[in-house]
Amino acid sequence: MSTSLSEINVVPLVDVMLVLLIIFMVAAPMMTQGMAVNLPKATTATNVQAPPIYVTVPLSFQKDRRVQIGDEWIGVDVLPERVKQALLERTDKSLYLRGDGDVAFKEIVFVFDKLQAAGIQKIGVVTTPLGTKK
């Protein structure tokens, strides 16, 4: 006569859950980092005090014509509309433009024109102070 075992073995479940917890603990800080941009250096660069809106022009802009507003990738053709939406509730109609140091100046000017078409009053250019590392 055999008896059935009515208990569930939870040890394998706990092992799997601990492995998943470790994976998420390691992966979470990597998900919150921004895009790496090689900023140009300037002697008069200062730190930004207000919570800014950043428009980032990466090195890949020359190929795919895409920029980044915050964490969102968008095509440069819809940039004016997205910037208008981002600044809709703000009284200060300014933002900051981050461009990779290796992007051609004509590409940065092209993005400037798109931002001015959106009605931006002030466009700050983000740089890195001389003497600092990347």
N, C-alpha and C. Protein backbone atom coordinates (compact mmCIF):
# COMPACT_ATOMS: atom_id res chain seq x y z
N MET A 1 0.84 -1.16 0.00
CA MET A 1 0.00 0.00 0.00
C MET A 1 0.90 1.23 0.00
N SER A 2 0.66 2.16 -0.97
CA SER A 2 1.49 3.36 -1.06
C SER A 2 0.67 4.58 -0.66
N THR A 3 1.36 5.51 -0.03
CA THR A 3 0.70 6.76 0.37
C THR A 3 1.17 7.88 -0.54
N SER A 4 0.32 8.79 -0.83
CA SER A 4 0.69 9.90 -1.70
C SER A 4 1.26 11.04 -0.86
N LEU A 5 2.21 11.72 -1.44
CA LEU A 5 2.86 12.85 -0.77
C LEU A 5 2.05 14.11 -1.10
N SER A 6 1.50 14.74 -0.11
CA SER A 6 0.63 15.89 -0.35
C SER A 6 1.33 17.23 -0.10
N GLU A 7 2.63 17.22 0.10
CA GLU A 7 3.37 18.46 0.32
C GLU A 7 4.07 18.88 -0.96
N ILE A 8 4.15 20.19 -1.18
CA ILE A 8 4.84 20.74 -2.34
C ILE A 8 6.26 21.10 -1.92
N ASN A 9 7.22 20.71 -2.75
CA ASN A 9 8.61 21.04 -2.48
C ASN A 9 8.88 22.45 -3.02
N VAL A 10 9.10 23.42 -2.12
CA VAL A 10 9.29 24.81 -2.53
C VAL A 10 10.75 25.21 -2.65
N VAL A 11 11.67 24.33 -2.35
CA VAL A 11 13.10 24.65 -2.42
C VAL A 11 13.52 25.03 -3.85
N PRO A 12 13.14 24.30 -4.89
CA PRO A 12 13.52 24.74 -6.24
C PRO A 12 12.90 26.09 -6.63
N LEU A 13 11.69 26.34 -6.18
CA LEU A 13 11.04 27.61 -6.46
C LEU A 13 11.79 28.77 -5.80
N VAL A 14 12.21 28.57 -4.57
CA VAL A 14 12.97 29.61 -3.86
C VAL A 14 14.31 29.84 -4.55
N ASP A 15 14.96 28.79 -5.01
CA ASP A 15 16.23 28.95 -5.72
C ASP A 15 16.06 29.77 -7.00
N VAL A 16 15.02 29.49 -7.75
CA VAL A 16 14.77 30.23 -8.99
C VAL A 16 14.47 31.69 -8.67
N MET A 17 13.68 31.94 -7.66
CA MET A 17 13.33 33.31 -7.30
C MET A 17 14.56 34.10 -6.85
N LEU A 18 15.46 33.48 -6.10
CA LEU A 18 16.68 34.16 -5.68
C LEU A 18 17.58 34.50 -6.86
N VAL A 19 17.67 33.59 -7.82
CA VAL A 19 18.47 33.86 -9.03
C VAL A 19 17.86 35.02 -9.81
N LEU A 20 16.54 35.04 -9.96
CA LEU A 20 15.88 36.14 -10.65
C LEU A 20 16.08 37.47 -9.92
N LEU A 21 16.02 37.44 -8.61
CA LEU A 21 16.25 38.65 -7.82
C LEU A 21 17.64 39.20 -8.05
N ILE A 22 18.63 38.34 -8.06
CA ILE A 22 20.01 38.78 -8.31
C ILE A 22 20.15 39.35 -9.71
N ILE A 23 19.54 38.70 -10.69
CA ILE A 23 19.61 39.20 -12.07
C ILE A 23 19.01 40.60 -12.16
N PHE A 24 17.85 40.83 -11.56
CA PHE A 24 17.23 42.14 -11.62
C PHE A 24 18.00 43.19 -10.83
N MET A 25 18.62 42.78 -9.72
CA MET A 25 19.42 43.73 -8.95
C MET A 25 20.64 44.19 -9.74
N VAL A 26 21.21 43.30 -10.53
CA VAL A 26 22.37 43.67 -11.35
C VAL A 26 21.94 44.47 -12.57
N ALA A 27 20.81 44.12 -13.17
CA ALA A 27 20.38 44.76 -14.41
C ALA A 27 19.71 46.11 -14.19
N ALA A 28 19.12 46.36 -13.05
CA ALA A 28 18.37 47.60 -12.82
C ALA A 28 19.23 48.86 -12.95
N PRO A 29 20.43 48.93 -12.37
CA PRO A 29 21.22 50.16 -12.55
C PRO A 29 21.61 50.42 -14.01
N MET A 30 21.75 49.38 -14.79
CA MET A 30 22.11 49.56 -16.20
C MET A 30 20.97 50.14 -17.02
N MET A 31 19.75 49.94 -16.59
CA MET A 31 18.60 50.44 -17.33
C MET A 31 18.35 51.92 -17.09
N THR A 32 18.87 52.49 -16.02
CA THR A 32 18.60 53.88 -15.70
C THR A 32 19.66 54.83 -16.24
N GLN A 33 20.72 54.34 -16.83
CA GLN A 33 21.74 55.21 -17.35
C GLN A 33 21.29 55.80 -18.67
N GLY A 34 21.76 57.02 -18.93
CA GLY A 34 21.45 57.68 -20.19
C GLY A 34 22.40 57.24 -21.29
N MET A 35 22.27 57.90 -22.41
CA MET A 35 23.12 57.59 -23.55
C MET A 35 24.49 58.26 -23.34
N ALA A 36 25.54 57.57 -23.72
CA ALA A 36 26.89 58.12 -23.62
C ALA A 36 27.13 59.07 -24.78
N VAL A 37 27.42 60.32 -24.46
CA VAL A 37 27.68 61.34 -25.47
C VAL A 37 29.02 61.98 -25.13
N ASN A 38 29.86 62.13 -26.12
CA ASN A 38 31.16 62.78 -25.96
C ASN A 38 30.96 64.28 -26.09
N LEU A 39 30.74 64.98 -24.95
CA LEU A 39 30.44 66.41 -24.98
C LEU A 39 31.70 67.22 -25.26
N PRO A 40 31.57 68.31 -26.03
CA PRO A 40 32.72 69.19 -26.23
C PRO A 40 33.04 69.94 -24.94
N LYS A 41 34.25 70.45 -24.83
CA LYS A 41 34.69 71.13 -23.62
C LYS A 41 34.68 72.65 -23.83
N ALA A 42 34.35 73.41 -22.76
CA ALA A 42 34.33 74.86 -22.82
C ALA A 42 34.83 75.43 -21.49
N THR A 43 35.48 76.57 -21.55
CA THR A 43 36.03 77.17 -20.33
C THR A 43 34.96 77.82 -19.48
N THR A 44 33.84 78.23 -20.07
CA THR A 44 32.79 78.92 -19.32
C THR A 44 31.61 78.02 -18.98
N ALA A 45 31.77 76.73 -19.05
CA ALA A 45 30.67 75.80 -18.78
C ALA A 45 30.30 75.83 -17.30
N THR A 46 29.00 75.83 -17.03
CA THR A 46 28.50 75.79 -15.66
C THR A 46 27.50 74.65 -15.53
N ASN A 47 27.26 74.23 -14.31
CA ASN A 47 26.29 73.16 -14.07
C ASN A 47 24.87 73.72 -14.13
N VAL A 48 23.94 72.90 -14.59
CA VAL A 48 22.54 73.29 -14.71
C VAL A 48 21.86 73.08 -13.36
N GLN A 49 21.09 74.08 -12.90
CA GLN A 49 20.44 74.01 -11.60
C GLN A 49 18.98 73.57 -11.70
N ALA A 50 18.26 73.94 -12.75
CA ALA A 50 16.84 73.62 -12.90
C ALA A 50 16.69 72.25 -13.55
N PRO A 51 15.54 71.61 -13.37
CA PRO A 51 15.31 70.34 -14.07
C PRO A 51 15.12 70.60 -15.56
N PRO A 52 16.11 70.34 -16.36
CA PRO A 52 16.05 70.73 -17.77
C PRO A 52 15.41 69.67 -18.67
N ILE A 53 15.07 70.11 -19.85
CA ILE A 53 14.68 69.20 -20.92
C ILE A 53 15.87 69.13 -21.86
N TYR A 54 16.35 67.92 -22.10
CA TYR A 54 17.51 67.72 -22.96
C TYR A 54 17.09 67.17 -24.31
N VAL A 55 17.66 67.74 -25.36
CA VAL A 55 17.57 67.17 -26.69
C VAL A 55 18.99 66.73 -27.03
N THR A 56 19.18 65.44 -27.25
CA THR A 56 20.50 64.87 -27.49
C THR A 56 20.66 64.51 -28.96
N VAL A 57 21.77 64.99 -29.53
CA VAL A 57 22.10 64.67 -30.93
C VAL A 57 23.28 63.70 -30.88
N PRO A 58 23.03 62.39 -31.05
CA PRO A 58 24.11 61.41 -30.96
C PRO A 58 24.92 61.36 -32.25
N LEU A 59 26.01 60.64 -32.20
CA LEU A 59 26.86 60.49 -33.37
C LEU A 59 26.12 59.78 -34.50
N SER A 60 25.17 58.93 -34.16
CA SER A 60 24.40 58.20 -35.17
C SER A 60 23.40 59.09 -35.91
N PHE A 61 23.27 60.35 -35.52
CA PHE A 61 22.31 61.27 -36.16
C PHE A 61 22.59 61.43 -37.65
N GLN A 62 23.85 61.39 -38.02
CA GLN A 62 24.23 61.58 -39.42
C GLN A 62 23.69 60.46 -40.30
N LYS A 63 23.43 59.30 -39.71
CA LYS A 63 22.92 58.16 -40.48
C LYS A 63 21.42 58.00 -40.38
N ASP A 64 20.87 58.05 -39.15
CA ASP A 64 19.45 57.72 -38.98
C ASP A 64 18.54 58.93 -38.76
N ARG A 65 19.11 60.15 -38.62
CA ARG A 65 18.34 61.39 -38.45
C ARG A 65 17.37 61.31 -37.28
N ARG A 66 17.83 60.70 -36.17
CA ARG A 66 17.02 60.58 -34.96
C ARG A 66 17.72 61.26 -33.81
N VAL A 67 16.95 61.94 -32.97
CA VAL A 67 17.46 62.58 -31.76
C VAL A 67 16.74 61.98 -30.57
N GLN A 68 17.16 62.40 -29.39
CA GLN A 68 16.56 61.87 -28.18
C GLN A 68 16.08 63.03 -27.32
N ILE A 69 14.80 62.99 -26.93
CA ILE A 69 14.26 63.95 -25.96
C ILE A 69 14.04 63.16 -24.68
N GLY A 70 14.84 63.45 -23.67
CA GLY A 70 14.80 62.65 -22.45
C GLY A 70 15.26 61.24 -22.77
N ASP A 71 14.36 60.28 -22.66
CA ASP A 71 14.66 58.88 -22.98
C ASP A 71 13.99 58.42 -24.26
N GLU A 72 13.30 59.31 -24.94
CA GLU A 72 12.50 58.93 -26.11
C GLU A 72 13.26 59.26 -27.40
N TRP A 73 13.38 58.26 -28.26
CA TRP A 73 14.00 58.45 -29.58
C TRP A 73 12.93 58.88 -30.56
N ILE A 74 13.21 59.98 -31.28
CA ILE A 74 12.26 60.45 -32.28
C ILE A 74 13.01 60.88 -33.54
N GLY A 75 12.29 60.89 -34.64
CA GLY A 75 12.86 61.39 -35.89
C GLY A 75 12.91 62.91 -35.86
N VAL A 76 13.88 63.47 -36.56
CA VAL A 76 14.06 64.92 -36.54
C VAL A 76 12.89 65.63 -37.21
N ASP A 77 12.15 64.96 -38.05
CA ASP A 77 11.01 65.59 -38.72
C ASP A 77 9.85 65.87 -37.76
N VAL A 78 9.73 65.11 -36.67
CA VAL A 78 8.67 65.36 -35.69
C VAL A 78 9.19 66.09 -34.45
N LEU A 79 10.44 66.53 -34.49
CA LEU A 79 11.04 67.21 -33.34
C LEU A 79 10.28 68.47 -32.92
N PRO A 80 9.91 69.37 -33.85
CA PRO A 80 9.19 70.58 -33.40
C PRO A 80 7.90 70.28 -32.64
N GLU A 81 7.13 69.31 -33.11
CA GLU A 81 5.87 68.99 -32.44
C GLU A 81 6.11 68.38 -31.06
N ARG A 82 7.07 67.48 -30.95
CA ARG A 82 7.35 66.85 -29.65
C ARG A 82 7.89 67.86 -28.65
N VAL A 83 8.70 68.82 -29.11
CA VAL A 83 9.22 69.85 -28.21
C VAL A 83 8.09 70.75 -27.74
N LYS A 84 7.17 71.09 -28.63
CA LYS A 84 6.01 71.89 -28.23
C LYS A 84 5.21 71.17 -27.15
N GLN A 85 5.04 69.86 -27.30
CA GLN A 85 4.31 69.08 -26.29
C GLN A 85 5.05 69.06 -24.97
N ALA A 86 6.38 68.92 -25.02
CA ALA A 86 7.17 68.85 -23.79
C ALA A 86 7.16 70.17 -23.03
N LEU A 87 7.08 71.29 -23.74
CA LEU A 87 7.14 72.60 -23.11
C LEU A 87 5.77 73.24 -22.91
N LEU A 88 4.72 72.49 -23.15
CA LEU A 88 3.37 73.03 -23.10
C LEU A 88 3.02 73.60 -21.73
N GLU A 89 3.36 72.90 -20.65
CA GLU A 89 2.99 73.35 -19.31
C GLU A 89 4.01 74.31 -18.70
N ARG A 90 5.14 74.50 -19.33
CA ARG A 90 6.20 75.33 -18.76
C ARG A 90 6.05 76.79 -19.18
N THR A 91 6.41 77.68 -18.24
CA THR A 91 6.44 79.10 -18.59
C THR A 91 7.78 79.46 -19.24
N ASP A 92 8.83 78.79 -18.83
CA ASP A 92 10.16 79.02 -19.41
C ASP A 92 10.31 78.15 -20.65
N LYS A 93 10.29 78.75 -21.80
CA LYS A 93 10.37 78.01 -23.07
C LYS A 93 11.83 77.85 -23.48
N SER A 94 12.58 77.12 -22.66
CA SER A 94 13.99 76.88 -22.98
C SER A 94 14.30 75.41 -22.77
N LEU A 95 15.33 74.96 -23.45
CA LEU A 95 15.80 73.60 -23.28
C LEU A 95 17.29 73.55 -23.55
N TYR A 96 17.86 72.39 -23.37
CA TYR A 96 19.31 72.22 -23.51
C TYR A 96 19.60 71.21 -24.61
N LEU A 97 20.54 71.57 -25.46
CA LEU A 97 20.93 70.73 -26.58
C LEU A 97 22.27 70.10 -26.28
N ARG A 98 22.29 68.76 -26.27
CA ARG A 98 23.53 68.02 -26.09
C ARG A 98 23.88 67.39 -27.43
N GLY A 99 25.05 67.71 -27.92
CA GLY A 99 25.49 67.12 -29.17
C GLY A 99 26.82 66.43 -28.97
N ASP A 100 26.96 65.27 -29.55
CA ASP A 100 28.24 64.57 -29.50
C ASP A 100 29.29 65.46 -30.14
N GLY A 101 30.49 65.51 -29.57
CA GLY A 101 31.56 66.35 -30.07
C GLY A 101 32.01 66.01 -31.47
N ASP A 102 31.70 64.82 -31.94
CA ASP A 102 32.11 64.39 -33.28
C ASP A 102 31.03 64.61 -34.34
N VAL A 103 29.87 65.14 -33.94
CA VAL A 103 28.82 65.43 -34.90
C VAL A 103 29.19 66.72 -35.64
N ALA A 104 28.96 66.74 -36.93
CA ALA A 104 29.28 67.93 -37.74
C ALA A 104 28.46 69.12 -37.27
N PHE A 105 29.06 70.30 -37.32
CA PHE A 105 28.40 71.52 -36.87
C PHE A 105 27.14 71.80 -37.67
N LYS A 106 27.13 71.47 -38.94
CA LYS A 106 25.94 71.71 -39.77
C LYS A 106 24.75 70.89 -39.28
N GLU A 107 25.02 69.72 -38.69
CA GLU A 107 23.93 68.90 -38.15
C GLU A 107 23.35 69.54 -36.89
N ILE A 108 24.23 70.10 -36.06
CA ILE A 108 23.76 70.80 -34.85
C ILE A 108 22.93 72.02 -35.23
N VAL A 109 23.38 72.77 -36.23
CA VAL A 109 22.63 73.94 -36.70
C VAL A 109 21.28 73.52 -37.27
N PHE A 110 21.23 72.37 -37.94
CA PHE A 110 19.98 71.85 -38.47
C PHE A 110 18.98 71.59 -37.34
N VAL A 111 19.47 70.99 -36.25
CA VAL A 111 18.60 70.73 -35.09
C VAL A 111 18.20 72.04 -34.43
N PHE A 112 19.13 73.03 -34.36
CA PHE A 112 18.79 74.36 -33.84
C PHE A 112 17.62 74.95 -34.63
N ASP A 113 17.68 74.86 -35.95
CA ASP A 113 16.60 75.39 -36.79
C ASP A 113 15.28 74.72 -36.49
N LYS A 114 15.31 73.42 -36.30
CA LYS A 114 14.07 72.69 -35.98
C LYS A 114 13.51 73.14 -34.63
N LEU A 115 14.40 73.36 -33.66
CA LEU A 115 13.96 73.80 -32.34
C LEU A 115 13.39 75.22 -32.39
N GLN A 116 14.01 76.09 -33.16
CA GLN A 116 13.49 77.45 -33.30
C GLN A 116 12.15 77.45 -34.03
N ALA A 117 11.97 76.51 -34.95
CA ALA A 117 10.68 76.38 -35.63
C ALA A 117 9.58 75.98 -34.65
N ALA A 118 9.96 75.33 -33.56
CA ALA A 118 8.99 74.93 -32.53
C ALA A 118 8.67 76.08 -31.58
N GLY A 119 9.32 77.24 -31.74
CA GLY A 119 9.05 78.38 -30.87
C GLY A 119 9.90 78.42 -29.62
N ILE A 120 11.01 77.74 -29.61
CA ILE A 120 11.89 77.75 -28.44
C ILE A 120 12.57 79.11 -28.35
N GLN A 121 12.50 79.75 -27.18
CA GLN A 121 13.07 81.07 -26.99
C GLN A 121 14.55 81.01 -26.62
N LYS A 122 14.91 80.01 -25.83
CA LYS A 122 16.30 79.88 -25.38
C LYS A 122 16.76 78.45 -25.59
N ILE A 123 17.92 78.29 -26.22
CA ILE A 123 18.51 76.97 -26.41
C ILE A 123 19.90 77.00 -25.80
N GLY A 124 20.10 76.23 -24.76
CA GLY A 124 21.42 76.13 -24.13
C GLY A 124 22.18 74.96 -24.73
N VAL A 125 23.47 75.15 -24.91
CA VAL A 125 24.32 74.08 -25.43
C VAL A 125 25.09 73.50 -24.26
N VAL A 126 24.96 72.20 -24.05
CA VAL A 126 25.63 71.53 -22.94
C VAL A 126 27.06 71.20 -23.34
N THR A 127 28.01 71.60 -22.50
CA THR A 127 29.41 71.30 -22.72
C THR A 127 30.00 70.75 -21.43
N THR A 128 31.24 70.31 -21.51
CA THR A 128 31.95 69.81 -20.35
C THR A 128 33.08 70.79 -20.04
N PRO A 129 33.28 71.18 -18.78
CA PRO A 129 34.37 72.09 -18.45
C PRO A 129 35.73 71.48 -18.83
N LEU A 130 36.66 72.33 -19.24
CA LEU A 130 38.00 71.85 -19.57
C LEU A 130 38.64 71.21 -18.35
N GLY A 131 39.41 70.20 -18.58
CA GLY A 131 40.10 69.54 -17.48
C GLY A 131 39.31 68.40 -16.85
N THR A 132 38.08 68.16 -17.30
CA THR A 132 37.32 67.03 -16.76
C THR A 132 37.37 65.88 -17.72
N LYS A 133 37.24 64.70 -17.16
CA LYS A 133 37.23 63.50 -17.99
C LYS A 133 35.84 63.30 -18.55
N LYS A 134 35.72 62.41 -19.54
CA LYS A 134 34.41 62.11 -20.15
C LYS A 134 33.45 61.80 -19.11
